[in-house]
Amino acid sequence: MSFSIADLRMKLVLSLVFVTAGPDALAQSKPLTEASVKSSVASDGLMTRERGLIIAREFAKSEGRDLTRYELGTFGRDFGSELTEDGAEWMFVFLCKPIGPPGCQFMVVVDRRTGKAQLIRGE
């Protein structure tokens, strides 16, 4: 009996769900529709802004940032995009609320191909 890489990945995912959420998690789960899978991919084949923002927020939290103290900046949207010039990364700026001292903001850059995130502290 041979397994493909996809079969092994699926078994690993199901095992992780079972271990972390318990046996009832599988009974309550719903299969992903094709639309929900495609929703994280933009028309250029790279990660959408929505998925990038989710990753940015999760990464900021993992770096110890309390996001209730910040609001998402609009600098990118004011200039037409939150993408880097080459379109390879999303840039999300989080500003202190209310307006804090200089350096209170930070930026999270998310690679649209890999999902790898980097936090850049304000100065």
PDB file of N, CA and C in Angstrom:
ATOM      1  N   MET A   1       0.850  -1.165   0.000  1.00  0.00           N
ATOM      2  CA  MET A   1       0.000   0.000   0.000  1.00  0.00           C
ATOM      3  C   MET A   1       0.899   1.232   0.000  1.00  0.00           C
ATOM      4  N   SER A   2       0.687   2.142  -0.960  1.00  0.00           N
ATOM      5  CA  SER A   2       1.502   3.350  -0.996  1.00  0.00           C
ATOM      6  C   SER A   2       0.612   4.570  -0.795  1.00  0.00           C
ATOM      7  N   PHE A   3       1.198   5.579  -0.192  1.00  0.00           N
ATOM      8  CA  PHE A   3       0.490   6.828   0.060  1.00  0.00           C
ATOM      9  C   PHE A   3       1.175   7.941  -0.707  1.00  0.00           C
ATOM     10  N   SER A   4       0.393   8.856  -1.223  1.00  0.00           N
ATOM     11  CA  SER A   4       0.964  10.037  -1.865  1.00  0.00           C
ATOM     12  C   SER A   4       1.273  11.075  -0.793  1.00  0.00           C
ATOM     13  N   ILE A   5       2.017  12.080  -1.170  1.00  0.00           N
ATOM     14  CA  ILE A   5       2.329  13.188  -0.248  1.00  0.00           C
ATOM     15  C   ILE A   5       1.033  13.837   0.236  1.00  0.00           C
ATOM     16  N   ALA A   6       0.065  14.006  -0.656  1.00  0.00           N
ATOM     17  CA  ALA A   6      -1.210  14.629  -0.273  1.00  0.00           C
ATOM     18  C   ALA A   6      -1.932  13.773   0.771  1.00  0.00           C
ATOM     19  N   ASP A   7      -1.894  12.439   0.603  1.00  0.00           N
ATOM     20  CA  ASP A   7      -2.528  11.554   1.583  1.00  0.00           C
ATOM     21  C   ASP A   7      -1.854  11.685   2.947  1.00  0.00           C
ATOM     22  N   LEU A   8      -0.540  11.738   2.947  1.00  0.00           N
ATOM     23  CA  LEU A   8       0.201  11.857   4.209  1.00  0.00           C
ATOM     24  C   LEU A   8      -0.077  13.192   4.882  1.00  0.00           C
ATOM     25  N   ARG A   9      -0.142  14.258   4.091  1.00  0.00           N
ATOM     26  CA  ARG A   9      -0.458  15.574   4.664  1.00  0.00           C
ATOM     27  C   ARG A   9      -1.852  15.576   5.279  1.00  0.00           C
ATOM     28  N   MET A  10      -2.820  14.977   4.568  1.00  0.00           N
ATOM     29  CA  MET A  10      -4.182  14.935   5.078  1.00  0.00           C
ATOM     30  C   MET A  10      -4.241  14.152   6.384  1.00  0.00           C
ATOM     31  N   LYS A  11      -3.543  13.038   6.462  1.00  0.00           N
ATOM     32  CA  LYS A  11      -3.516  12.257   7.704  1.00  0.00           C
ATOM     33  C   LYS A  11      -2.896  13.069   8.837  1.00  0.00           C
ATOM     34  N   LEU A  12      -1.840  13.827   8.530  1.00  0.00           N
ATOM     35  CA  LEU A  12      -1.204  14.657   9.546  1.00  0.00           C
ATOM     36  C   LEU A  12      -2.163  15.737  10.037  1.00  0.00           C
ATOM     37  N   VAL A  13      -2.847  16.397   9.120  1.00  0.00           N
ATOM     38  CA  VAL A  13      -3.800  17.449   9.499  1.00  0.00           C
ATOM     39  C   VAL A  13      -4.916  16.871  10.354  1.00  0.00           C
ATOM     40  N   LEU A  14      -5.471  15.749   9.925  1.00  0.00           N
ATOM     41  CA  LEU A  14      -6.552  15.138  10.697  1.00  0.00           C
ATOM     42  C   LEU A  14      -6.068  14.705  12.082  1.00  0.00           C
ATOM     43  N   SER A  15      -4.848  14.211  12.159  1.00  0.00           N
ATOM     44  CA  SER A  15      -4.286  13.821  13.454  1.00  0.00           C
ATOM     45  C   SER A  15      -4.142  15.026  14.368  1.00  0.00           C
ATOM     46  N   LEU A  16      -3.661  16.139  13.800  1.00  0.00           N
ATOM     47  CA  LEU A  16      -3.495  17.356  14.601  1.00  0.00           C
ATOM     48  C   LEU A  16      -4.843  17.882  15.085  1.00  0.00           C
ATOM     49  N   VAL A  17      -5.851  17.857  14.226  1.00  0.00           N
ATOM     50  CA  VAL A  17      -7.187  18.299  14.625  1.00  0.00           C
ATOM     51  C   VAL A  17      -7.709  17.415  15.750  1.00  0.00           C
ATOM     52  N   PHE A  18      -7.545  16.121  15.593  1.00  0.00           N
ATOM     53  CA  PHE A  18      -8.029  15.178  16.597  1.00  0.00           C
ATOM     54  C   PHE A  18      -7.341  15.397  17.937  1.00  0.00           C
ATOM     55  N   VAL A  19      -6.015  15.583  17.914  1.00  0.00           N
ATOM     56  CA  VAL A  19      -5.245  15.745  19.150  1.00  0.00           C
ATOM     57  C   VAL A  19      -5.558  17.077  19.822  1.00  0.00           C
ATOM     58  N   THR A  20      -5.635  18.161  19.040  1.00  0.00           N
ATOM     59  CA  THR A  20      -5.828  19.478  19.651  1.00  0.00           C
ATOM     60  C   THR A  20      -7.276  19.783  20.005  1.00  0.00           C
ATOM     61  N   ALA A  21      -8.224  19.295  19.216  1.00  0.00           N
ATOM     62  CA  ALA A  21      -9.616  19.662  19.452  1.00  0.00           C
ATOM     63  C   ALA A  21     -10.468  18.524  19.992  1.00  0.00           C
ATOM     64  N   GLY A  22      -9.949  17.317  20.007  1.00  0.00           N
ATOM     65  CA  GLY A  22     -10.697  16.187  20.528  1.00  0.00           C
ATOM     66  C   GLY A  22     -11.466  15.459  19.441  1.00  0.00           C
ATOM     67  N   PRO A  23     -11.996  14.304  19.778  1.00  0.00           N
ATOM     68  CA  PRO A  23     -12.667  13.466  18.785  1.00  0.00           C
ATOM     69  C   PRO A  23     -13.931  14.080  18.200  1.00  0.00           C
ATOM     70  N   ASP A  24     -14.607  14.963  18.949  1.00  0.00           N
ATOM     71  CA  ASP A  24     -15.838  15.565  18.439  1.00  0.00           C
ATOM     72  C   ASP A  24     -15.574  16.611  17.362  1.00  0.00           C
ATOM     73  N   ALA A  25     -14.344  17.091  17.240  1.00  0.00           N
ATOM     74  CA  ALA A  25     -14.035  18.134  16.261  1.00  0.00           C
ATOM     75  C   ALA A  25     -14.310  17.661  14.838  1.00  0.00           C
ATOM     76  N   LEU A  26     -14.023  16.406  14.564  1.00  0.00           N
ATOM     77  CA  LEU A  26     -14.246  15.900  13.216  1.00  0.00           C
ATOM     78  C   LEU A  26     -15.725  15.789  12.896  1.00  0.00           C
ATOM     79  N   ALA A  27     -16.525  15.471  13.868  1.00  0.00           N
ATOM     80  CA  ALA A  27     -17.964  15.350  13.638  1.00  0.00           C
ATOM     81  C   ALA A  27     -18.585  16.712  13.361  1.00  0.00           C
ATOM     82  N   GLN A  28     -17.996  17.770  13.896  1.00  0.00           N
ATOM     83  CA  GLN A  28     -18.542  19.107  13.736  1.00  0.00           C
ATOM     84  C   GLN A  28     -17.933  19.856  12.565  1.00  0.00           C
ATOM     85  N   SER A  29     -16.892  19.321  11.993  1.00  0.00           N
ATOM     86  CA  SER A  29     -16.210  20.049  10.925  1.00  0.00           C
ATOM     87  C   SER A  29     -17.010  20.006   9.640  1.00  0.00           C
ATOM     88  N   LYS A  30     -16.780  20.998   8.799  1.00  0.00           N
ATOM     89  CA  LYS A  30     -17.433  21.064   7.509  1.00  0.00           C
ATOM     90  C   LYS A  30     -16.348  21.025   6.442  1.00  0.00           C
ATOM     91  N   PRO A  31     -16.601  20.338   5.348  1.00  0.00           N
ATOM     92  CA  PRO A  31     -15.586  20.301   4.300  1.00  0.00           C
ATOM     93  C   PRO A  31     -15.402  21.682   3.675  1.00  0.00           C
ATOM     94  N   LEU A  32     -14.180  21.965   3.275  1.00  0.00           N
ATOM     95  CA  LEU A  32     -13.911  23.224   2.599  1.00  0.00           C
ATOM     96  C   LEU A  32     -14.510  23.187   1.205  1.00  0.00           C
ATOM     97  N   THR A  33     -15.154  24.256   0.846  1.00  0.00           N
ATOM     98  CA  THR A  33     -15.658  24.345  -0.522  1.00  0.00           C
ATOM     99  C   THR A  33     -14.549  24.875  -1.404  1.00  0.00           C
ATOM    100  N   GLU A  34     -14.686  24.695  -2.687  1.00  0.00           N
ATOM    101  CA  GLU A  34     -13.675  25.196  -3.615  1.00  0.00           C
ATOM    102  C   GLU A  34     -13.539  26.706  -3.489  1.00  0.00           C
ATOM    103  N   ALA A  35     -14.652  27.412  -3.268  1.00  0.00           N
ATOM    104  CA  ALA A  35     -14.609  28.866  -3.146  1.00  0.00           C
ATOM    105  C   ALA A  35     -13.819  29.294  -1.921  1.00  0.00           C
ATOM    106  N   SER A  36     -13.949  28.580  -0.790  1.00  0.00           N
ATOM    107  CA  SER A  36     -13.226  28.977   0.417  1.00  0.00           C
ATOM    108  C   SER A  36     -11.734  28.730   0.281  1.00  0.00           C
ATOM    109  N   VAL A  37     -11.349  27.713  -0.475  1.00  0.00           N
ATOM    110  CA  VAL A  37      -9.930  27.447  -0.700  1.00  0.00           C
ATOM    111  C   VAL A  37      -9.344  28.507  -1.613  1.00  0.00           C
ATOM    112  N   LYS A  38     -10.063  28.885  -2.648  1.00  0.00           N
ATOM    113  CA  LYS A  38      -9.559  29.866  -3.604  1.00  0.00           C
ATOM    114  C   LYS A  38      -9.553  31.278  -3.038  1.00  0.00           C
ATOM    115  N   SER A  39     -10.331  31.529  -1.988  1.00  0.00           N
ATOM    116  CA  SER A  39     -10.463  32.883  -1.481  1.00  0.00           C
ATOM    117  C   SER A  39      -9.161  33.442  -0.923  1.00  0.00           C
ATOM    118  N   SER A  40      -8.180  32.597  -0.602  1.00  0.00           N
ATOM    119  CA  SER A  40      -6.916  33.108  -0.084  1.00  0.00           C
ATOM    120  C   SER A  40      -5.904  33.379  -1.192  1.00  0.00           C
ATOM    121  N   VAL A  41      -6.322  33.167  -2.440  1.00  0.00           N
ATOM    122  CA  VAL A  41      -5.426  33.383  -3.572  1.00  0.00           C
ATOM    123  C   VAL A  41      -6.008  34.461  -4.469  1.00  0.00           C
ATOM    124  N   ALA A  42      -5.199  35.474  -4.760  1.00  0.00           N
ATOM    125  CA  ALA A  42      -5.629  36.579  -5.617  1.00  0.00           C
ATOM    126  C   ALA A  42      -5.557  36.164  -7.084  1.00  0.00           C
ATOM    127  N   SER A  43      -6.045  37.025  -7.958  1.00  0.00           N
ATOM    128  CA  SER A  43      -6.052  36.717  -9.387  1.00  0.00           C
ATOM    129  C   SER A  43      -4.645  36.536  -9.956  1.00  0.00           C
ATOM    130  N   ASP A  44      -3.640  37.094  -9.296  1.00  0.00           N
ATOM    131  CA  ASP A  44      -2.262  36.922  -9.770  1.00  0.00           C
ATOM    132  C   ASP A  44      -1.620  35.641  -9.229  1.00  0.00           C
ATOM    133  N   GLY A  45      -2.408  34.830  -8.505  1.00  0.00           N
ATOM    134  CA  GLY A  45      -1.907  33.562  -7.990  1.00  0.00           C
ATOM    135  C   GLY A  45      -1.222  33.674  -6.642  1.00  0.00           C
ATOM    136  N   LEU A  46      -1.151  34.875  -6.090  1.00  0.00           N
ATOM    137  CA  LEU A  46      -0.499  35.093  -4.801  1.00  0.00           C
ATOM    138  C   LEU A  46      -1.551  35.346  -3.728  1.00  0.00           C
ATOM    139  N   MET A  47      -1.105  35.463  -2.491  1.00  0.00           N
ATOM    140  CA  MET A  47      -1.987  35.637  -1.337  1.00  0.00           C
ATOM    141  C   MET A  47      -2.804  36.928  -1.422  1.00  0.00           C
ATOM    142  N   THR A  48      -4.078  36.817  -1.052  1.00  0.00           N
ATOM    143  CA  THR A  48      -4.950  37.991  -1.028  1.00  0.00           C
ATOM    144  C   THR A  48      -4.611  38.895   0.157  1.00  0.00           C
ATOM    145  N   ARG A  49      -5.102  40.119   0.099  1.00  0.00           N
ATOM    146  CA  ARG A  49      -4.919  41.062   1.198  1.00  0.00           C
ATOM    147  C   ARG A  49      -5.563  40.525   2.466  1.00  0.00           C
ATOM    148  N   GLU A  50      -6.749  39.959   2.342  1.00  0.00           N
ATOM    149  CA  GLU A  50      -7.475  39.458   3.508  1.00  0.00           C
ATOM    150  C   GLU A  50      -6.672  38.387   4.243  1.00  0.00           C
ATOM    151  N   ARG A  51      -6.119  37.445   3.489  1.00  0.00           N
ATOM    152  CA  ARG A  51      -5.308  36.384   4.106  1.00  0.00           C
ATOM    153  C   ARG A  51      -4.028  36.971   4.696  1.00  0.00           C
ATOM    154  N   GLY A  52      -3.420  37.915   3.985  1.00  0.00           N
ATOM    155  CA  GLY A  52      -2.208  38.561   4.485  1.00  0.00           C
ATOM    156  C   GLY A  52      -2.452  39.292   5.788  1.00  0.00           C
ATOM    157  N   LEU A  53      -3.604  39.951   5.898  1.00  0.00           N
ATOM    158  CA  LEU A  53      -3.936  40.688   7.116  1.00  0.00           C
ATOM    159  C   LEU A  53      -4.158  39.732   8.287  1.00  0.00           C
ATOM    160  N   ILE A  54      -4.768  38.600   8.038  1.00  0.00           N
ATOM    161  CA  ILE A  54      -4.944  37.598   9.097  1.00  0.00           C
ATOM    162  C   ILE A  54      -3.576  37.146   9.606  1.00  0.00           C
ATOM    163  N   ILE A  55      -2.675  36.853   8.686  1.00  0.00           N
ATOM    164  CA  ILE A  55      -1.325  36.421   9.070  1.00  0.00           C
ATOM    165  C   ILE A  55      -0.615  37.526   9.832  1.00  0.00           C
ATOM    166  N   ALA A  56      -0.740  38.770   9.364  1.00  0.00           N
ATOM    167  CA  ALA A  56      -0.083  39.903  10.030  1.00  0.00           C
ATOM    168  C   ALA A  56      -0.577  40.059  11.461  1.00  0.00           C
ATOM    169  N   ARG A  57      -1.882  39.965  11.655  1.00  0.00           N
ATOM    170  CA  ARG A  57      -2.441  40.111  13.004  1.00  0.00           C
ATOM    171  C   ARG A  57      -1.994  38.967  13.917  1.00  0.00           C
ATOM    172  N   GLU A  58      -2.036  37.742  13.410  1.00  0.00           N
ATOM    173  CA  GLU A  58      -1.603  36.599  14.213  1.00  0.00           C
ATOM    174  C   GLU A  58      -0.125  36.714  14.579  1.00  0.00           C
ATOM    175  N   PHE A  59       0.687  37.158  13.621  1.00  0.00           N
ATOM    176  CA  PHE A  59       2.113  37.290  13.880  1.00  0.00           C
ATOM    177  C   PHE A  59       2.369  38.385  14.916  1.00  0.00           C
ATOM    178  N   ALA A  60       1.674  39.520  14.794  1.00  0.00           N
ATOM    179  CA  ALA A  60       1.838  40.609  15.760  1.00  0.00           C
ATOM    180  C   ALA A  60       1.499  40.130  17.171  1.00  0.00           C
ATOM    181  N   LYS A  61       0.432  39.373  17.296  1.00  0.00           N
ATOM    182  CA  LYS A  61       0.052  38.822  18.604  1.00  0.00           C
ATOM    183  C   LYS A  61       1.130  37.879  19.129  1.00  0.00           C
ATOM    184  N   SER A  62       1.683  37.056  18.238  1.00  0.00           N
ATOM    185  CA  SER A  62       2.728  36.115  18.667  1.00  0.00           C
ATOM    186  C   SER A  62       3.997  36.836  19.100  1.00  0.00           C
ATOM    187  N   GLU A  63       4.154  38.077  18.637  1.00  0.00           N
ATOM    188  CA  GLU A  63       5.304  38.895  19.025  1.00  0.00           C
ATOM    189  C   GLU A  63       4.994  39.754  20.257  1.00  0.00           C
ATOM    190  N   GLY A  64       3.845  39.502  20.889  1.00  0.00           N
ATOM    191  CA  GLY A  64       3.504  40.173  22.137  1.00  0.00           C
ATOM    192  C   GLY A  64       2.755  41.480  21.996  1.00  0.00           C
ATOM    193  N   ARG A  65       2.265  41.791  20.815  1.00  0.00           N
ATOM    194  CA  ARG A  65       1.511  43.035  20.625  1.00  0.00           C
ATOM    195  C   ARG A  65       0.050  42.832  20.998  1.00  0.00           C
ATOM    196  N   ASP A  66      -0.476  43.750  21.794  1.00  0.00           N
ATOM    197  CA  ASP A  66      -1.887  43.745  22.168  1.00  0.00           C
ATOM    198  C   ASP A  66      -2.625  44.582  21.128  1.00  0.00           C
ATOM    199  N   LEU A  67      -3.267  43.935  20.186  1.00  0.00           N
ATOM    200  CA  LEU A  67      -3.866  44.647  19.059  1.00  0.00           C
ATOM    201  C   LEU A  67      -5.056  45.521  19.449  1.00  0.00           C
ATOM    202  N   THR A  68      -5.555  45.387  20.665  1.00  0.00           N
ATOM    203  CA  THR A  68      -6.625  46.289  21.094  1.00  0.00           C
ATOM    204  C   THR A  68      -6.081  47.703  21.287  1.00  0.00           C
ATOM    205  N   ARG A  69      -4.765  47.823  21.393  1.00  0.00           N
ATOM    206  CA  ARG A  69      -4.126  49.138  21.568  1.00  0.00           C
ATOM    207  C   ARG A  69      -3.754  49.796  20.246  1.00  0.00           C
ATOM    208  N   TYR A  70      -4.045  49.128  19.122  1.00  0.00           N
ATOM    209  CA  TYR A  70      -3.628  49.619  17.808  1.00  0.00           C
ATOM    210  C   TYR A  70      -4.788  49.635  16.832  1.00  0.00           C
ATOM    211  N   GLU A  71      -4.676  50.477  15.819  1.00  0.00           N
ATOM    212  CA  GLU A  71      -5.614  50.446  14.704  1.00  0.00           C
ATOM    213  C   GLU A  71      -4.809  50.304  13.426  1.00  0.00           C
ATOM    214  N   LEU A  72      -5.423  49.709  12.443  1.00  0.00           N
ATOM    215  CA  LEU A  72      -4.748  49.496  11.180  1.00  0.00           C
ATOM    216  C   LEU A  72      -4.609  50.826  10.451  1.00  0.00           C
ATOM    217  N   GLY A  73      -3.390  51.173  10.089  1.00  0.00           N
ATOM    218  CA  GLY A  73      -3.134  52.410   9.354  1.00  0.00           C
ATOM    219  C   GLY A  73      -3.646  52.313   7.933  1.00  0.00           C
ATOM    220  N   THR A  74      -3.876  53.449   7.321  1.00  0.00           N
ATOM    221  CA  THR A  74      -4.409  53.474   5.961  1.00  0.00           C
ATOM    222  C   THR A  74      -3.402  53.994   4.942  1.00  0.00           C
ATOM    223  N   PHE A  75      -2.132  54.091   5.332  1.00  0.00           N
ATOM    224  CA  PHE A  75      -1.171  54.729   4.429  1.00  0.00           C
ATOM    225  C   PHE A  75      -1.147  54.058   3.060  1.00  0.00           C
ATOM    226  N   GLY A  76      -1.195  52.742   3.013  1.00  0.00           N
ATOM    227  CA  GLY A  76      -1.133  52.038   1.739  1.00  0.00           C
ATOM    228  C   GLY A  76      -2.354  52.279   0.885  1.00  0.00           C
ATOM    229  N   ARG A  77      -3.521  52.240   1.520  1.00  0.00           N
ATOM    230  CA  ARG A  77      -4.756  52.459   0.770  1.00  0.00           C
ATOM    231  C   ARG A  77      -4.843  53.898   0.284  1.00  0.00           C
ATOM    232  N   ASP A  78      -4.263  54.846   1.037  1.00  0.00           N
ATOM    233  CA  ASP A  78      -4.261  56.237   0.600  1.00  0.00           C
ATOM    234  C   ASP A  78      -3.449  56.412  -0.681  1.00  0.00           C
ATOM    235  N   PHE A  79      -2.453  55.562  -0.855  1.00  0.00           N
ATOM    236  CA  PHE A  79      -1.602  55.652  -2.039  1.00  0.00           C
ATOM    237  C   PHE A  79      -1.958  54.603  -3.079  1.00  0.00           C
ATOM    238  N   GLY A  80      -3.041  53.869  -2.868  1.00  0.00           N
ATOM    239  CA  GLY A  80      -3.521  52.932  -3.866  1.00  0.00           C
ATOM    240  C   GLY A  80      -3.218  51.474  -3.595  1.00  0.00           C
ATOM    241  N   SER A  81      -2.327  51.170  -2.650  1.00  0.00           N
ATOM    242  CA  SER A  81      -2.027  49.767  -2.386  1.00  0.00           C
ATOM    243  C   SER A  81      -1.211  49.607  -1.113  1.00  0.00           C
ATOM    244  N   GLU A  82      -1.375  48.463  -0.477  1.00  0.00           N
ATOM    245  CA  GLU A  82      -0.533  48.092   0.657  1.00  0.00           C
ATOM    246  C   GLU A  82       0.519  47.091   0.199  1.00  0.00           C
ATOM    247  N   LEU A  83       0.638  46.936  -1.105  1.00  0.00           N
ATOM    248  CA  LEU A  83       1.644  46.039  -1.661  1.00  0.00           C
ATOM    249  C   LEU A  83       2.974  46.761  -1.825  1.00  0.00           C
ATOM    250  N   THR A  84       4.063  45.984  -1.728  1.00  0.00           N
ATOM    251  CA  THR A  84       5.361  46.549  -2.073  1.00  0.00           C
ATOM    252  C   THR A  84       5.347  46.842  -3.573  1.00  0.00           C
ATOM    253  N   GLU A  85       6.289  47.617  -4.007  1.00  0.00           N
ATOM    254  CA  GLU A  85       6.331  48.046  -5.406  1.00  0.00           C
ATOM    255  C   GLU A  85       6.337  46.862  -6.377  1.00  0.00           C
ATOM    256  N   ASP A  86       7.028  45.790  -6.013  1.00  0.00           N
ATOM    257  CA  ASP A  86       7.086  44.617  -6.891  1.00  0.00           C
ATOM    258  C   ASP A  86       5.906  43.665  -6.702  1.00  0.00           C
ATOM    259  N   GLY A  87       5.004  43.974  -5.751  1.00  0.00           N
ATOM    260  CA  GLY A  87       3.813  43.161  -5.526  1.00  0.00           C
ATOM    261  C   GLY A  87       4.056  41.857  -4.785  1.00  0.00           C
ATOM    262  N   ALA A  88       5.254  41.672  -4.256  1.00  0.00           N
ATOM    263  CA  ALA A  88       5.606  40.400  -3.614  1.00  0.00           C
ATOM    264  C   ALA A  88       5.206  40.332  -2.145  1.00  0.00           C
ATOM    265  N   GLU A  89       4.944  41.477  -1.506  1.00  0.00           N
ATOM    266  CA  GLU A  89       4.669  41.484  -0.064  1.00  0.00           C
ATOM    267  C   GLU A  89       3.544  42.456   0.259  1.00  0.00           C
ATOM    268  N   TRP A  90       2.783  42.091   1.298  1.00  0.00           N
ATOM    269  CA  TRP A  90       1.799  42.996   1.884  1.00  0.00           C
ATOM    270  C   TRP A  90       2.480  43.743   3.012  1.00  0.00           C
ATOM    271  N   MET A  91       2.145  45.022   3.186  1.00  0.00           N
ATOM    272  CA  MET A  91       2.679  45.837   4.282  1.00  0.00           C
ATOM    273  C   MET A  91       1.497  46.387   5.076  1.00  0.00           C
ATOM    274  N   PHE A  92       1.448  46.049   6.360  1.00  0.00           N
ATOM    275  CA  PHE A  92       0.367  46.521   7.214  1.00  0.00           C
ATOM    276  C   PHE A  92       0.958  47.314   8.364  1.00  0.00           C
ATOM    277  N   VAL A  93       0.520  48.565   8.506  1.00  0.00           N
ATOM    278  CA  VAL A  93       1.003  49.436   9.571  1.00  0.00           C
ATOM    279  C   VAL A  93      -0.061  49.498  10.660  1.00  0.00           C
ATOM    280  N   PHE A  94       0.374  49.300  11.892  1.00  0.00           N
ATOM    281  CA  PHE A  94      -0.502  49.370  13.049  1.00  0.00           C
ATOM    282  C   PHE A  94      -0.108  50.597  13.857  1.00  0.00           C
ATOM    283  N   LEU A  95      -1.069  51.501  14.056  1.00  0.00           N
ATOM    284  CA  LEU A  95      -0.833  52.758  14.763  1.00  0.00           C
ATOM    285  C   LEU A  95      -1.439  52.703  16.154  1.00  0.00           C
ATOM    286  N   CYS A  96      -0.759  53.320  17.125  1.00  0.00           N
ATOM    287  CA  CYS A  96      -1.299  53.386  18.483  1.00  0.00           C
ATOM    288  C   CYS A  96      -2.608  54.146  18.479  1.00  0.00           C
ATOM    289  N   LYS A  97      -3.533  53.708  19.317  1.00  0.00           N
ATOM    290  CA  LYS A  97      -4.759  54.472  19.492  1.00  0.00           C
ATOM    291  C   LYS A  97      -4.973  54.704  20.976  1.00  0.00           C
ATOM    292  N   PRO A  98      -5.305  55.849  21.426  1.00  0.00           N
ATOM    293  CA  PRO A  98      -5.241  57.059  20.606  1.00  0.00           C
ATOM    294  C   PRO A  98      -3.796  57.325  20.209  1.00  0.00           C
ATOM    295  N   ILE A  99      -3.586  58.321  19.414  1.00  0.00           N
ATOM    296  CA  ILE A  99      -2.245  58.602  18.901  1.00  0.00           C
ATOM    297  C   ILE A  99      -1.251  58.620  20.047  1.00  0.00           C
ATOM    298  N   GLY A 100      -0.234  57.793  19.907  1.00  0.00           N
ATOM    299  CA  GLY A 100       0.767  57.646  20.959  1.00  0.00           C
ATOM    300  C   GLY A 100       2.043  58.407  20.637  1.00  0.00           C
ATOM    301  N   PRO A 101       3.041  58.188  21.450  1.00  0.00           N
ATOM    302  CA  PRO A 101       4.313  58.856  21.235  1.00  0.00           C
ATOM    303  C   PRO A 101       4.988  58.342  19.959  1.00  0.00           C
ATOM    304  N   PRO A 102       5.948  59.095  19.425  1.00  0.00           N
ATOM    305  CA  PRO A 102       6.676  58.621  18.244  1.00  0.00           C
ATOM    306  C   PRO A 102       7.251  57.227  18.506  1.00  0.00           C
ATOM    307  N   GLY A 103       7.179  56.383  17.505  1.00  0.00           N
ATOM    308  CA  GLY A 103       7.695  55.033  17.634  1.00  0.00           C
ATOM    309  C   GLY A 103       6.701  54.024  18.160  1.00  0.00           C
ATOM    310  N   CYS A 104       5.497  54.462  18.481  1.00  0.00           N
ATOM    311  CA  CYS A 104       4.494  53.553  19.040  1.00  0.00           C
ATOM    312  C   CYS A 104       3.943  52.615  17.966  1.00  0.00           C
ATOM    313  N   GLN A 105       4.058  52.980  16.716  1.00  0.00           N
ATOM    314  CA  GLN A 105       3.532  52.150  15.643  1.00  0.00           C
ATOM    315  C   GLN A 105       4.499  51.021  15.283  1.00  0.00           C
ATOM    316  N   PHE A 106       4.005  50.064  14.528  1.00  0.00           N
ATOM    317  CA  PHE A 106       4.857  49.015  13.977  1.00  0.00           C
ATOM    318  C   PHE A 106       4.255  48.557  12.662  1.00  0.00           C
ATOM    319  N   MET A 107       5.043  47.851  11.868  1.00  0.00           N
ATOM    320  CA  MET A 107       4.593  47.351  10.577  1.00  0.00           C
ATOM    321  C   MET A 107       4.876  45.858  10.509  1.00  0.00           C
ATOM    322  N   VAL A 108       3.954  45.131   9.893  1.00  0.00           N
ATOM    323  CA  VAL A 108       4.164  43.713   9.621  1.00  0.00           C
ATOM    324  C   VAL A 108       4.167  43.545   8.102  1.00  0.00           C
ATOM    325  N   VAL A 109       5.227  42.923   7.609  1.00  0.00           N
ATOM    326  CA  VAL A 109       5.373  42.646   6.182  1.00  0.00           C
ATOM    327  C   VAL A 109       5.154  41.146   5.991  1.00  0.00           C
ATOM    328  N   VAL A 110       4.272  40.790   5.055  1.00  0.00           N
ATOM    329  CA  VAL A 110       3.929  39.389   4.808  1.00  0.00           C
ATOM    330  C   VAL A 110       4.273  39.040   3.363  1.00  0.00           C
ATOM    331  N   ASP A 111       5.101  38.019   3.199  1.00  0.00           N
ATOM    332  CA  ASP A 111       5.469  37.533   1.867  1.00  0.00           C
ATOM    333  C   ASP A 111       4.252  36.857   1.246  1.00  0.00           C
ATOM    334  N   ARG A 112       3.855  37.277   0.049  1.00  0.00           N
ATOM    335  CA  ARG A 112       2.643  36.758  -0.590  1.00  0.00           C
ATOM    336  C   ARG A 112       2.803  35.344  -1.129  1.00  0.00           C
ATOM    337  N   ARG A 113       4.016  34.872  -1.273  1.00  0.00           N
ATOM    338  CA  ARG A 113       4.222  33.507  -1.757  1.00  0.00           C
ATOM    339  C   ARG A 113       4.301  32.507  -0.603  1.00  0.00           C
ATOM    340  N   THR A 114       5.046  32.871   0.442  1.00  0.00           N
ATOM    341  CA  THR A 114       5.329  31.922   1.523  1.00  0.00           C
ATOM    342  C   THR A 114       4.488  32.145   2.773  1.00  0.00           C
ATOM    343  N   GLY A 115       3.945  33.345   2.959  1.00  0.00           N
ATOM    344  CA  GLY A 115       3.208  33.663   4.186  1.00  0.00           C
ATOM    345  C   GLY A 115       4.125  34.025   5.339  1.00  0.00           C
ATOM    346  N   LYS A 116       5.428  34.053   5.102  1.00  0.00           N
ATOM    347  CA  LYS A 116       6.377  34.419   6.161  1.00  0.00           C
ATOM    348  C   LYS A 116       6.194  35.894   6.503  1.00  0.00           C
ATOM    349  N   ALA A 117       6.156  36.169   7.812  1.00  0.00           N
ATOM    350  CA  ALA A 117       5.913  37.539   8.271  1.00  0.00           C
ATOM    351  C   ALA A 117       7.124  38.084   9.021  1.00  0.00           C
ATOM    352  N   GLN A 118       7.256  39.393   8.982  1.00  0.00           N
ATOM    353  CA  GLN A 118       8.344  40.079   9.698  1.00  0.00           C
ATOM    354  C   GLN A 118       7.752  41.335  10.343  1.00  0.00           C
ATOM    355  N   LEU A 119       8.061  41.543  11.613  1.00  0.00           N
ATOM    356  CA  LEU A 119       7.586  42.726  12.331  1.00  0.00           C
ATOM    357  C   LEU A 119       8.695  43.762  12.338  1.00  0.00           C
ATOM    358  N   ILE A 120       8.358  44.979  11.943  1.00  0.00           N
ATOM    359  CA  ILE A 120       9.319  46.087  11.944  1.00  0.00           C
ATOM    360  C   ILE A 120       8.814  47.094  12.962  1.00  0.00           C
ATOM    361  N   ARG A 121       9.607  47.301  13.998  1.00  0.00           N
ATOM    362  CA  ARG A 121       9.223  48.202  15.084  1.00  0.00           C
ATOM    363  C   ARG A 121       9.339  49.660  14.663  1.00  0.00           C
ATOM    364  N   GLY A 122       8.487  50.492  15.259  1.00  0.00           N
ATOM    365  CA  GLY A 122       8.553  51.930  15.008  1.00  0.00           C
ATOM    366  C   GLY A 122       9.765  52.531  15.685  1.00  0.00           C
ATOM    367  N   GLU A 123      10.188  53.654  15.174  1.00  0.00           N
ATOM    368  CA  GLU A 123      11.365  54.327  15.754  1.00  0.00           C
ATOM    369  C   GLU A 123      10.981  55.686  16.292  1.00  0.00           C
TER     370      GLU A 123
END
